[in-house]
Amino acid sequence: MAFKRTLIFVLIIISIYSCDIPLAHKIKLIDIKFNADSAYKFIKEQLAFGPRVPNTPAHDSCAIFLSQKLRSYNAKVALQNAIVYRYDSLPLRITNIIAQFYPYKKRRILLFTHWDTRFIADNEKDSVLRYKPFLGANDGASGVAVLLEIARHLSVDTPKVGVDIIFFDAEDQGEPQFLFIFNKESWSLGARYWVKHKHFCNYLYGIDIDMVGGKNAKFYKEDFSLFYYGYLLYRIWHIAKLLGYDSLFIDKNVKSIFDDHFVLNQNGIRSVLIIETHRNNKFYPSYWHTHGDNLQVIDKKTLKAVGQIILNVIYNQK
């Protein structure tokens, strides 16, 4: 009897998943090619503004650039301006940049990343540089660049579903690491504001990307993503394998990460995270939250892999 109940449970789960997302073996690789040169150019354009820290002119100028670029791709763009408070009670002027493609389509997916850069290089060994903001070529600009290039494709190749792209602000403004305090509520401030004032919430799922342009990058299956929507995560890694990127997308998991996807999952939007991690004591790249996070760490091959995988997810979605 116990075996029978278990079998019925397994069949129900299989049935639910098979109705939700097409099975992995039904994936048909698309002919659309992600342009890594274009994505690389988008990184350079962001870095030209300097660090994109809330309350700075560079931040405000970059917000205008990003919104104009998305509008040039025929997206319906909304700027969600707000005041949020940093861990030390400093008020931050933030802007969530929301772009809708094919808003008339009821079945929709959400792609998101953060566009702000950290106000402090808290992993920097140089005690002077430690208290200065850094460029954030990988941690910030790379995710934005990949989604801008995907937005360009969406403007010319219509998918079967609608797609929203959100650049969340103030993801990276939590306590400095040297304070040895971690309060998850102090991170992902833009995403936390959005879930309380969201314009649309009936998404099939969301995909969060962060640090997706580094040299020698490795991407592992993150535990929150496995817990909240493991089937989608396995589907993404399966597409990576079909595309020949299984040396970047490793079929092993890593510990949970409190990125913007965690906030959305906690508020009913099933989401997974694609982020560079390492299965060692450093976990993130050695230049993470230092001034070494500049254009020299970016590899077009990594941008290409992540972008091509996400394009295949989008255009295989029914």
Foldseek 3Di string as FASTA:
>chain_A
DVVVVVVVVVVVVVVVVCVQWPDLVPFDADPDAQDLVQLLVQLVVLLVLPALAFPDPSVVVVVVVLLVLLVVLVWDKDWDWDWDAAPVRDTGTFIKIKTKFPVVFPAEEEEEEAQHFEQALLLAPPPVRRRHTARQSQFHSNSSSLVSSVSNVCSPDPAPGMYMYIHFYQQHYHDRVVVVDDDLVNGSRRLLVCLVVPPDQPYSAYEYEGRQFFPPFAWEFEDVLCVQPVSVVVSLCSLLVVVVNCSRYPDHYDYHDSGSQVSSSVSPHRYGYTYTFDPDPVGHDSCPSHNVSDSVRGDSVRSRSVSSSVVSVRRSGD
